[in-house]
PDB file of N, CA and C in Angstrom:
ATOM      1  N   MET A   1       0.718  -1.249   0.017  1.00  0.00           N
ATOM      2  CA  MET A   1      -0.017  -0.105   0.090  1.00  0.00           C
ATOM      3  C   MET A   1       0.777   1.231   0.100  1.00  0.00           C
ATOM      4  N   ASP A   2       2.036   1.228   0.663  1.00  0.00           N
ATOM      5  CA  ASP A   2       2.909   2.422   1.009  1.00  0.00           C
ATOM      6  C   ASP A   2       3.415   2.786  -0.393  1.00  0.00           C
ATOM      7  N   LYS A   3       3.634   1.997  -1.260  1.00  0.00           N
ATOM      8  CA  LYS A   3       4.419   2.234  -2.708  1.00  0.00           C
ATOM      9  C   LYS A   3       3.325   2.851  -3.400  1.00  0.00           C
ATOM     10  N   ASN A   4       2.047   2.450  -3.468  1.00  0.00           N
ATOM     11  CA  ASN A   4       1.019   3.035  -4.171  1.00  0.00           C
ATOM     12  C   ASN A   4       0.848   4.449  -3.628  1.00  0.00           C
ATOM     13  N   VAL A   5       0.797   4.797  -2.507  1.00  0.00           N
ATOM     14  CA  VAL A   5       0.577   6.205  -1.943  1.00  0.00           C
ATOM     15  C   VAL A   5       1.801   7.060  -2.356  1.00  0.00           C
ATOM     16  N   GLU A   6       3.080   6.441  -2.663  1.00  0.00           N
ATOM     17  CA  GLU A   6       4.201   7.253  -3.326  1.00  0.00           C
ATOM     18  C   GLU A   6       3.832   7.461  -4.771  1.00  0.00           C
ATOM     19  N   VAL A   7       3.119   6.433  -5.681  1.00  0.00           N
ATOM     20  CA  VAL A   7       2.864   6.629  -6.797  1.00  0.00           C
ATOM     21  C   VAL A   7       1.772   7.749  -6.936  1.00  0.00           C
ATOM     22  N   PHE A   8       0.861   7.808  -6.217  1.00  0.00           N
ATOM     23  CA  PHE A   8      -0.355   8.664  -6.193  1.00  0.00           C
ATOM     24  C   PHE A   8       0.355  10.199  -5.990  1.00  0.00           C
ATOM     25  N   LYS A   9       1.246  10.294  -5.074  1.00  0.00           N
ATOM     26  CA  LYS A   9       1.830  11.532  -4.789  1.00  0.00           C
ATOM     27  C   LYS A   9       2.590  11.939  -5.928  1.00  0.00           C
ATOM     28  N   ALA A  10       3.343  11.011  -6.755  1.00  0.00           N
ATOM     29  CA  ALA A  10       4.097  11.455  -7.788  1.00  0.00           C
ATOM     30  C   ALA A  10       3.129  12.026  -8.996  1.00  0.00           C
ATOM     31  N   LEU A  11       1.902  11.357  -9.137  1.00  0.00           N
ATOM     32  CA  LEU A  11       0.856  11.728 -10.066  1.00  0.00           C
ATOM     33  C   LEU A  11       0.237  13.000  -9.627  1.00  0.00           C
ATOM     34  N   SER A  12       0.263  13.526  -8.513  1.00  0.00           N
ATOM     35  CA  SER A  12      -0.494  14.572  -8.068  1.00  0.00           C
ATOM     36  C   SER A  12      -0.055  16.017  -8.479  1.00  0.00           C
ATOM     37  N   ASP A  13       0.848  16.042  -9.522  1.00  0.00           N
ATOM     38  CA  ASP A  13       1.347  17.279  -9.980  1.00  0.00           C
ATOM     39  C   ASP A  13       1.047  17.271 -11.424  1.00  0.00           C
ATOM     40  N   LYS A  14       0.622  18.475 -11.864  1.00  0.00           N
ATOM     41  CA  LYS A  14       0.231  18.744 -13.269  1.00  0.00           C
ATOM     42  C   LYS A  14       1.400  18.423 -14.175  1.00  0.00           C
ATOM     43  N   ASN A  15       2.673  19.008 -14.008  1.00  0.00           N
ATOM     44  CA  ASN A  15       3.836  19.046 -14.793  1.00  0.00           C
ATOM     45  C   ASN A  15       4.300  17.490 -14.763  1.00  0.00           C
ATOM     46  N   ARG A  16       4.115  16.602 -14.067  1.00  0.00           N
ATOM     47  CA  ARG A  16       4.514  15.199 -13.827  1.00  0.00           C
ATOM     48  C   ARG A  16       3.316  14.368 -14.784  1.00  0.00           C
ATOM     49  N   LEU A  17       2.219  14.883 -14.624  1.00  0.00           N
ATOM     50  CA  LEU A  17       1.166  14.274 -15.616  1.00  0.00           C
ATOM     51  C   LEU A  17       1.527  14.604 -16.862  1.00  0.00           C
ATOM     52  N   LEU A  18       1.909  15.856 -17.182  1.00  0.00           N
ATOM     53  CA  LEU A  18       2.363  16.141 -18.704  1.00  0.00           C
ATOM     54  C   LEU A  18       3.426  15.517 -19.187  1.00  0.00           C
ATOM     55  N   ILE A  19       4.413  15.144 -18.323  1.00  0.00           N
ATOM     56  CA  ILE A  19       5.741  14.549 -18.528  1.00  0.00           C
ATOM     57  C   ILE A  19       5.336  13.144 -18.962  1.00  0.00           C
ATOM     58  N   ILE A  20       4.525  12.553 -18.187  1.00  0.00           N
ATOM     59  CA  ILE A  20       3.989  11.039 -18.430  1.00  0.00           C
ATOM     60  C   ILE A  20       3.181  11.055 -19.728  1.00  0.00           C
ATOM     61  N   ASP A  21       2.357  12.034 -20.021  1.00  0.00           N
ATOM     62  CA  ASP A  21       1.661  11.933 -21.353  1.00  0.00           C
ATOM     63  C   ASP A  21       2.635  12.168 -22.509  1.00  0.00           C
ATOM     64  N   MET A  22       3.656  13.039 -22.254  1.00  0.00           N
ATOM     65  CA  MET A  22       4.622  13.160 -23.471  1.00  0.00           C
ATOM     66  C   MET A  22       5.344  11.864 -23.550  1.00  0.00           C
ATOM     67  N   LEU A  23       5.760  11.259 -22.507  1.00  0.00           N
ATOM     68  CA  LEU A  23       6.369   9.768 -22.638  1.00  0.00           C
ATOM     69  C   LEU A  23       5.608   8.799 -23.195  1.00  0.00           C
ATOM     70  N   SER A  24       4.248   8.926 -23.169  1.00  0.00           N
ATOM     71  CA  SER A  24       3.413   7.958 -23.753  1.00  0.00           C
ATOM     72  C   SER A  24       3.720   7.831 -25.027  1.00  0.00           C
ATOM     73  N   CYS A  25       4.278   8.821 -25.853  1.00  0.00           N
ATOM     74  CA  CYS A  25       4.634   8.706 -27.186  1.00  0.00           C
ATOM     75  C   CYS A  25       5.916   8.013 -27.608  1.00  0.00           C
ATOM     76  N   GLY A  26       6.767   7.847 -26.364  1.00  0.00           N
ATOM     77  CA  GLY A  26       7.968   7.095 -26.626  1.00  0.00           C
ATOM     78  C   GLY A  26       8.991   7.745 -25.760  1.00  0.00           C
ATOM     79  N   GLU A  27      10.287   7.210 -25.923  1.00  0.00           N
ATOM     80  CA  GLU A  27      11.395   7.561 -25.087  1.00  0.00           C
ATOM     81  C   GLU A  27      11.713   9.116 -25.496  1.00  0.00           C
ATOM     82  N   LEU A  28      12.127   9.953 -24.548  1.00  0.00           N
ATOM     83  CA  LEU A  28      12.387  11.316 -24.826  1.00  0.00           C
ATOM     84  C   LEU A  28      13.607  11.649 -23.911  1.00  0.00           C
ATOM     85  N   CYS A  29      14.425  12.657 -24.338  1.00  0.00           N
ATOM     86  CA  CYS A  29      15.532  13.150 -23.455  1.00  0.00           C
ATOM     87  C   CYS A  29      15.039  14.325 -22.594  1.00  0.00           C
ATOM     88  N   ASN A  30      15.732  14.570 -21.663  1.00  0.00           N
ATOM     89  CA  ASN A  30      15.292  15.729 -20.720  1.00  0.00           C
ATOM     90  C   ASN A  30      15.300  17.085 -21.519  1.00  0.00           C
ATOM     91  N   CYS A  31      16.080  17.270 -22.404  1.00  0.00           N
ATOM     92  CA  CYS A  31      16.015  18.449 -23.124  1.00  0.00           C
ATOM     93  C   CYS A  31      14.614  18.619 -23.893  1.00  0.00           C
ATOM     94  N   ASP A  32      14.093  17.531 -24.507  1.00  0.00           N
ATOM     95  CA  ASP A  32      12.931  17.484 -25.139  1.00  0.00           C
ATOM     96  C   ASP A  32      11.855  17.955 -24.219  1.00  0.00           C
ATOM     97  N   ILE A  33      11.733  17.485 -23.184  1.00  0.00           N
ATOM     98  CA  ILE A  33      10.677  17.568 -22.100  1.00  0.00           C
ATOM     99  C   ILE A  33      10.884  19.126 -21.642  1.00  0.00           C
ATOM    100  N   MET A  34      12.117  19.444 -21.320  1.00  0.00           N
ATOM    101  CA  MET A  34      12.281  20.853 -20.665  1.00  0.00           C
ATOM    102  C   MET A  34      11.754  21.982 -21.952  1.00  0.00           C
ATOM    103  N   GLU A  35      11.970  21.777 -23.118  1.00  0.00           N
ATOM    104  CA  GLU A  35      11.674  22.503 -24.169  1.00  0.00           C
ATOM    105  C   GLU A  35      10.255  22.560 -24.346  1.00  0.00           C
ATOM    106  N   GLN A  36       9.536  21.487 -24.410  1.00  0.00           N
ATOM    107  CA  GLN A  36       8.080  21.301 -24.639  1.00  0.00           C
ATOM    108  C   GLN A  36       7.198  21.912 -23.460  1.00  0.00           C
ATOM    109  N   LEU A  37       7.711  21.790 -22.139  1.00  0.00           N
ATOM    110  CA  LEU A  37       6.941  22.263 -21.093  1.00  0.00           C
ATOM    111  C   LEU A  37       7.351  23.719 -20.477  1.00  0.00           C
ATOM    112  N   ASN A  38       8.600  24.140 -21.068  1.00  0.00           N
ATOM    113  CA  ASN A  38       9.041  25.537 -20.877  1.00  0.00           C
ATOM    114  C   ASN A  38       9.493  25.509 -19.388  1.00  0.00           C
ATOM    115  N   LEU A  39      10.088  24.771 -18.921  1.00  0.00           N
ATOM    116  CA  LEU A  39      10.648  24.486 -17.575  1.00  0.00           C
ATOM    117  C   LEU A  39      12.036  24.502 -17.397  1.00  0.00           C
ATOM    118  N   THR A  40      12.757  24.926 -16.401  1.00  0.00           N
ATOM    119  CA  THR A  40      14.204  24.943 -16.126  1.00  0.00           C
ATOM    120  C   THR A  40      14.550  23.520 -15.927  1.00  0.00           C
ATOM    121  N   GLN A  41      15.882  23.509 -16.210  1.00  0.00           N
ATOM    122  CA  GLN A  41      16.570  22.092 -16.030  1.00  0.00           C
ATOM    123  C   GLN A  41      16.410  21.713 -14.436  1.00  0.00           C
ATOM    124  N   PRO A  42      16.551  22.606 -13.609  1.00  0.00           N
ATOM    125  CA  PRO A  42      16.419  22.163 -12.209  1.00  0.00           C
ATOM    126  C   PRO A  42      15.011  21.551 -11.714  1.00  0.00           C
ATOM    127  N   THR A  43      14.011  22.275 -12.383  1.00  0.00           N
ATOM    128  CA  THR A  43      12.706  21.760 -12.157  1.00  0.00           C
ATOM    129  C   THR A  43      12.356  20.428 -12.824  1.00  0.00           C
ATOM    130  N   ILE A  44      12.780  20.262 -13.995  1.00  0.00           N
ATOM    131  CA  ILE A  44      12.665  19.011 -14.817  1.00  0.00           C
ATOM    132  C   ILE A  44      13.445  17.928 -14.025  1.00  0.00           C
ATOM    133  N   SER A  45      14.726  18.197 -13.425  1.00  0.00           N
ATOM    134  CA  SER A  45      15.355  17.145 -12.803  1.00  0.00           C
ATOM    135  C   SER A  45      14.497  16.823 -11.385  1.00  0.00           C
ATOM    136  N   HIS A  46      13.868  17.704 -10.900  1.00  0.00           N
ATOM    137  CA  HIS A  46      13.210  17.570  -9.683  1.00  0.00           C
ATOM    138  C   HIS A  46      11.902  16.762  -9.977  1.00  0.00           C
ATOM    139  N   HIS A  47      11.287  16.873 -11.008  1.00  0.00           N
ATOM    140  CA  HIS A  47      10.028  15.991 -11.384  1.00  0.00           C
ATOM    141  C   HIS A  47      10.465  14.693 -11.749  1.00  0.00           C
ATOM    142  N   MET A  48      11.537  14.450 -12.493  1.00  0.00           N
ATOM    143  CA  MET A  48      12.016  13.202 -12.993  1.00  0.00           C
ATOM    144  C   MET A  48      12.533  12.356 -11.801  1.00  0.00           C
ATOM    145  N   LYS A  49      13.040  13.048 -10.848  1.00  0.00           N
ATOM    146  CA  LYS A  49      13.480  12.225  -9.758  1.00  0.00           C
ATOM    147  C   LYS A  49      12.430  11.716  -8.868  1.00  0.00           C
ATOM    148  N   ILE A  50      11.343  12.375  -8.848  1.00  0.00           N
ATOM    149  CA  ILE A  50      10.106  11.891  -8.139  1.00  0.00           C
ATOM    150  C   ILE A  50       9.449  10.711  -8.886  1.00  0.00           C
ATOM    151  N   LEU A  51       9.393  11.076 -10.413  1.00  0.00           N
ATOM    152  CA  LEU A  51       8.835  10.027 -11.032  1.00  0.00           C
ATOM    153  C   LEU A  51       9.457   8.798 -11.067  1.00  0.00           C
ATOM    154  N   GLN A  52      11.008   8.972 -11.132  1.00  0.00           N
ATOM    155  CA  GLN A  52      11.937   7.581 -11.037  1.00  0.00           C
ATOM    156  C   GLN A  52      11.725   6.938  -9.581  1.00  0.00           C
ATOM    157  N   HIS A  53      11.730   7.623  -8.567  1.00  0.00           N
ATOM    158  CA  HIS A  53      11.553   7.050  -7.173  1.00  0.00           C
ATOM    159  C   HIS A  53      10.235   6.308  -7.223  1.00  0.00           C
ATOM    160  N   SER A  54       9.309   6.915  -7.609  1.00  0.00           N
ATOM    161  CA  SER A  54       7.988   6.160  -7.557  1.00  0.00           C
ATOM    162  C   SER A  54       7.846   4.911  -8.474  1.00  0.00           C
ATOM    163  N   GLY A  55       8.903   4.813  -9.375  1.00  0.00           N
ATOM    164  CA  GLY A  55       8.851   3.656 -10.154  1.00  0.00           C
ATOM    165  C   GLY A  55       8.225   3.760 -11.670  1.00  0.00           C
ATOM    166  N   LEU A  56       7.668   5.060 -11.866  1.00  0.00           N
ATOM    167  CA  LEU A  56       6.744   5.095 -12.899  1.00  0.00           C
ATOM    168  C   LEU A  56       7.408   5.395 -14.320  1.00  0.00           C
ATOM    169  N   ILE A  57       8.727   5.762 -14.255  1.00  0.00           N
ATOM    170  CA  ILE A  57       9.366   6.013 -15.324  1.00  0.00           C
ATOM    171  C   ILE A  57      10.887   5.398 -15.193  1.00  0.00           C
ATOM    172  N   ASN A  58      11.463   4.953 -16.333  1.00  0.00           N
ATOM    173  CA  ASN A  58      12.865   4.366 -16.432  1.00  0.00           C
ATOM    174  C   ASN A  58      13.755   5.511 -17.081  1.00  0.00           C
ATOM    175  N   SER A  59      15.223   5.257 -16.846  1.00  0.00           N
ATOM    176  CA  SER A  59      15.868   6.358 -17.343  1.00  0.00           C
ATOM    177  C   SER A  59      17.298   5.491 -17.831  1.00  0.00           C
ATOM    178  N   ARG A  60      17.880   6.035 -18.886  1.00  0.00           N
ATOM    179  CA  ARG A  60      19.087   5.636 -19.347  1.00  0.00           C
ATOM    180  C   ARG A  60      19.988   6.858 -19.834  1.00  0.00           C
ATOM    181  N   LYS A  61      21.176   6.669 -19.576  1.00  0.00           N
ATOM    182  CA  LYS A  61      22.239   7.572 -19.898  1.00  0.00           C
ATOM    183  C   LYS A  61      22.958   7.285 -21.220  1.00  0.00           C
ATOM    184  N   GLU A  62      23.070   8.307 -22.122  1.00  0.00           N
ATOM    185  CA  GLU A  62      23.629   8.029 -23.310  1.00  0.00           C
ATOM    186  C   GLU A  62      24.438   9.317 -23.610  1.00  0.00           C
ATOM    187  N   GLY A  63      25.901   9.115 -23.272  1.00  0.00           N
ATOM    188  CA  GLY A  63      26.745  10.272 -23.385  1.00  0.00           C
ATOM    189  C   GLY A  63      26.395  11.276 -22.172  1.00  0.00           C
ATOM    190  N   LYS A  64      26.087  12.480 -22.553  1.00  0.00           N
ATOM    191  CA  LYS A  64      25.667  13.615 -21.641  1.00  0.00           C
ATOM    192  C   LYS A  64      24.212  13.668 -21.497  1.00  0.00           C
ATOM    193  N   TRP A  65      23.431  12.851 -22.181  1.00  0.00           N
ATOM    194  CA  TRP A  65      22.002  13.006 -22.217  1.00  0.00           C
ATOM    195  C   TRP A  65      21.405  11.816 -21.453  1.00  0.00           C
ATOM    196  N   ILE A  66      20.318  12.260 -20.781  1.00  0.00           N
ATOM    197  CA  ILE A  66      19.414  11.237 -20.239  1.00  0.00           C
ATOM    198  C   ILE A  66      18.015  10.958 -20.794  1.00  0.00           C
ATOM    199  N   TYR A  67      17.921   9.718 -21.158  1.00  0.00           N
ATOM    200  CA  TYR A  67      16.475   9.449 -21.877  1.00  0.00           C
ATOM    201  C   TYR A  67      15.503   8.811 -20.905  1.00  0.00           C
ATOM    202  N   TYR A  68      14.211   9.195 -21.008  1.00  0.00           N
ATOM    203  CA  TYR A  68      13.362   8.553 -20.096  1.00  0.00           C
ATOM    204  C   TYR A  68      12.189   7.802 -20.951  1.00  0.00           C
ATOM    205  N   SER A  69      11.721   7.016 -20.161  1.00  0.00           N
ATOM    206  CA  SER A  69      10.461   6.188 -20.966  1.00  0.00           C
ATOM    207  C   SER A  69       9.429   5.618 -19.767  1.00  0.00           C
ATOM    208  N   ILE A  70       8.330   5.565 -20.182  1.00  0.00           N
ATOM    209  CA  ILE A  70       7.299   4.953 -19.118  1.00  0.00           C
ATOM    210  C   ILE A  70       7.783   3.468 -18.818  1.00  0.00           C
ATOM    211  N   ASN A  71       7.452   3.138 -17.646  1.00  0.00           N
ATOM    212  CA  ASN A  71       7.617   1.893 -16.905  1.00  0.00           C
ATOM    213  C   ASN A  71       6.240   1.274 -17.094  1.00  0.00           C
ATOM    214  N   LYS A  72       6.199   0.421 -18.030  1.00  0.00           N
ATOM    215  CA  LYS A  72       4.884  -0.125 -18.382  1.00  0.00           C
ATOM    216  C   LYS A  72       4.272  -1.053 -17.358  1.00  0.00           C
ATOM    217  N   LYS A  73       5.137  -1.777 -16.694  1.00  0.00           N
ATOM    218  CA  LYS A  73       4.775  -2.693 -15.650  1.00  0.00           C
ATOM    219  C   LYS A  73       4.355  -1.970 -14.447  1.00  0.00           C
ATOM    220  N   ALA A  74       4.952  -0.772 -14.159  1.00  0.00           N
ATOM    221  CA  ALA A  74       4.457   0.089 -13.125  1.00  0.00           C
ATOM    222  C   ALA A  74       2.950   0.487 -13.299  1.00  0.00           C
ATOM    223  N   PHE A  75       2.541   0.937 -14.459  1.00  0.00           N
ATOM    224  CA  PHE A  75       1.356   1.296 -14.698  1.00  0.00           C
ATOM    225  C   PHE A  75       0.227   0.257 -14.755  1.00  0.00           C
ATOM    226  N   ASP A  76       0.815  -1.018 -15.171  1.00  0.00           N
ATOM    227  CA  ASP A  76      -0.055  -2.129 -14.979  1.00  0.00           C
ATOM    228  C   ASP A  76      -0.486  -2.422 -13.761  1.00  0.00           C
ATOM    229  N   ASN A  77       0.660  -2.309 -12.726  1.00  0.00           N
ATOM    230  CA  ASN A  77       0.412  -2.710 -11.428  1.00  0.00           C
ATOM    231  C   ASN A  77      -0.504  -1.480 -10.797  1.00  0.00           C
ATOM    232  N   LEU A  78      -0.336  -0.360 -11.172  1.00  0.00           N
ATOM    233  CA  LEU A  78      -1.207   0.921 -10.746  1.00  0.00           C
ATOM    234  C   LEU A  78      -2.736   0.516 -11.152  1.00  0.00           C
ATOM    235  N   CYS A  79      -2.986   0.139 -12.354  1.00  0.00           N
ATOM    236  CA  CYS A  79      -4.124  -0.276 -12.790  1.00  0.00           C
ATOM    237  C   CYS A  79      -4.830  -1.492 -11.924  1.00  0.00           C
ATOM    238  N   TYR A  80      -4.038  -2.464 -11.854  1.00  0.00           N
ATOM    239  CA  TYR A  80      -4.537  -3.507 -11.025  1.00  0.00           C
ATOM    240  C   TYR A  80      -4.872  -3.199  -9.663  1.00  0.00           C
ATOM    241  N   PHE A  81      -3.960  -2.315  -8.983  1.00  0.00           N
ATOM    242  CA  PHE A  81      -4.262  -1.753  -7.610  1.00  0.00           C
ATOM    243  C   PHE A  81      -5.653  -0.856  -7.601  1.00  0.00           C
ATOM    244  N   ILE A  82      -5.850  -0.099  -8.542  1.00  0.00           N
ATOM    245  CA  ILE A  82      -7.251   0.639  -8.623  1.00  0.00           C
ATOM    246  C   ILE A  82      -8.329  -0.287  -8.781  1.00  0.00           C
ATOM    247  N   LYS A  83      -8.240  -1.357  -9.748  1.00  0.00           N
ATOM    248  CA  LYS A  83      -9.339  -2.128  -9.758  1.00  0.00           C
ATOM    249  C   LYS A  83      -9.622  -2.889  -8.648  1.00  0.00           C
ATOM    250  N   THR A  84      -8.378  -3.489  -7.915  1.00  0.00           N
ATOM    251  CA  THR A  84      -8.627  -4.220  -6.777  1.00  0.00           C
ATOM    252  C   THR A  84      -9.302  -3.295  -5.327  1.00  0.00           C
ATOM    253  N   LEU A  85      -8.677  -2.107  -5.426  1.00  0.00           N
ATOM    254  CA  LEU A  85      -9.109  -1.178  -4.420  1.00  0.00           C
ATOM    255  C   LEU A  85     -10.641  -0.873  -4.586  1.00  0.00           C
ATOM    256  N   SER A  86     -11.151  -0.867  -5.679  1.00  0.00           N
ATOM    257  CA  SER A  86     -12.512  -0.490  -5.907  1.00  0.00           C
ATOM    258  C   SER A  86     -13.345  -1.700  -6.126  1.00  0.00           C
ATOM    259  N   SER A  87     -12.981  -2.800  -5.892  1.00  0.00           N
ATOM    260  CA  SER A  87     -13.822  -4.021  -6.109  1.00  0.00           C
ATOM    261  C   SER A  87     -14.061  -4.674  -4.597  1.00  0.00           C
ATOM    262  N   TYR A  88     -15.134  -5.392  -4.771  1.00  0.00           N
ATOM    263  CA  TYR A  88     -15.480  -6.210  -3.473  1.00  0.00           C
ATOM    264  C   TYR A  88     -14.473  -7.261  -3.233  1.00  0.00           C
ATOM    265  N   LYS A  89     -13.979  -7.401  -1.884  1.00  0.00           N
ATOM    266  CA  LYS A  89     -13.170  -8.388  -1.502  1.00  0.00           C
ATOM    267  C   LYS A  89     -13.543  -9.074  -0.275  1.00  0.00           C
ATOM    268  N   GLU A  90     -13.402 -10.377  -0.148  1.00  0.00           N
ATOM    269  CA  GLU A  90     -13.776 -11.154   1.074  1.00  0.00           C
ATOM    270  C   GLU A  90     -13.157 -10.633   2.381  1.00  0.00           C
ATOM    271  N   ASP A  91     -11.705 -10.079   2.143  1.00  0.00           N
ATOM    272  CA  ASP A  91     -11.047  -9.563   3.382  1.00  0.00           C
ATOM    273  C   ASP A  91     -11.160  -8.084   3.552  1.00  0.00           C
ATOM    274  N   CYS A  92     -12.062  -7.473   2.905  1.00  0.00           N
ATOM    275  CA  CYS A  92     -12.233  -5.974   2.863  1.00  0.00           C
ATOM    276  C   CYS A  92     -12.211  -5.458   4.398  1.00  0.00           C
ATOM    277  N   ILE A  93     -11.312  -4.277   4.421  1.00  0.00           N
ATOM    278  CA  ILE A  93     -11.256  -3.637   5.787  1.00  0.00           C
ATOM    279  C   ILE A  93     -12.736  -3.302   6.130  1.00  0.00           C
ATOM    280  N   CYS A  94     -13.629  -3.052   5.240  1.00  0.00           N
ATOM    281  CA  CYS A  94     -14.965  -2.657   5.557  1.00  0.00           C
ATOM    282  C   CYS A  94     -15.678  -3.510   6.629  1.00  0.00           C
ATOM    283  N   LYS A  95     -15.352  -4.900   6.543  1.00  0.00           N
ATOM    284  CA  LYS A  95     -15.909  -5.873   7.080  1.00  0.00           C
ATOM    285  C   LYS A  95     -15.537  -5.635   8.778  1.00  0.00           C
ATOM    286  N   ASN A  96     -14.481  -5.182   9.108  1.00  0.00           N
ATOM    287  CA  ASN A  96     -14.066  -4.920  10.506  1.00  0.00           C
ATOM    288  C   ASN A  96     -14.752  -3.687  11.046  1.00  0.00           C
ATOM    289  N   VAL A  97     -15.120  -2.753  10.125  1.00  0.00           N
ATOM    290  CA  VAL A  97     -15.748  -1.555  10.545  1.00  0.00           C
ATOM    291  C   VAL A  97     -17.204  -1.945  10.785  1.00  0.00           C
ATOM    292  N   MET A  98     -17.711  -2.693   9.859  1.00  0.00           N
ATOM    293  CA  MET A  98     -19.258  -3.179  10.055  1.00  0.00           C
ATOM    294  C   MET A  98     -19.342  -4.016  11.260  1.00  0.00           C
ATOM    295  N   GLN A  99     -18.596  -4.827  11.574  1.00  0.00           N
ATOM    296  CA  GLN A  99     -18.392  -5.861  12.628  1.00  0.00           C
ATOM    297  C   GLN A  99     -18.458  -4.910  13.853  1.00  0.00           C
ATOM    298  N   LYS A 100     -17.662  -3.935  14.029  1.00  0.00           N
ATOM    299  CA  LYS A 100     -17.619  -3.225  15.194  1.00  0.00           C
ATOM    300  C   LYS A 100     -18.807  -2.270  15.432  1.00  0.00           C
ATOM    301  N   LYS A 101     -19.399  -1.766  14.265  1.00  0.00           N
ATOM    302  CA  LYS A 101     -20.463  -1.012  14.338  1.00  0.00           C
ATOM    303  C   LYS A 101     -21.636  -1.922  14.843  1.00  0.00           C
ATOM    304  N   CYS A 102     -21.947  -3.183  14.385  1.00  0.00           N
ATOM    305  CA  CYS A 102     -22.835  -4.019  14.615  1.00  0.00           C
ATOM    306  C   CYS A 102     -22.854  -4.448  16.106  1.00  0.00           C
ATOM    307  N   ASN A 103     -21.491  -4.662  16.730  1.00  0.00           N
ATOM    308  CA  ASN A 103     -21.366  -4.918  18.154  1.00  0.00           C
ATOM    309  C   ASN A 103     -21.717  -3.708  18.943  1.00  0.00           C
ATOM    310  N   ARG A 104     -21.619  -2.395  18.586  1.00  0.00           N
ATOM    311  CA  ARG A 104     -21.901  -1.298  19.290  1.00  0.00           C
ATOM    312  C   ARG A 104     -23.427  -1.074  19.430  1.00  0.00           C
ATOM    313  N   GLU A 105     -24.159  -1.643  18.348  1.00  0.00           N
ATOM    314  CA  GLU A 105     -25.637  -1.389  18.447  1.00  0.00           C
ATOM    315  C   GLU A 105     -26.476  -2.461  19.272  1.00  0.00           C
ATOM    316  N   GLU A 106     -25.670  -3.577  19.607  1.00  0.00           N
ATOM    317  CA  GLU A 106     -26.117  -4.595  20.489  1.00  0.00           C
ATOM    318  C   GLU A 106     -26.414  -4.269  21.726  1.00  0.00           C
TER     319      GLU A 106
END
């Protein structure tokens, strides 16, 4: 659950969502992202560090350039987590809440 909280925090910024949208078209270098979003190098680095730390993007260095791409597996896991979170489960936390509520009413 903690890893998913980190992912949602990473996704809670408009610029990071725009970066992910850009990367959905394929691998890009940081200069391409910086130019398109009209952000400074330190700002781009900050956003990329958060996205990498959350596991949502991959990076590779080629010479002096860093290239970024989407981590498809991380997005597949996120989709699965959302589907599981929003679906009925036998061991759902709500059963504990309902049980406690019923015990108080007796």
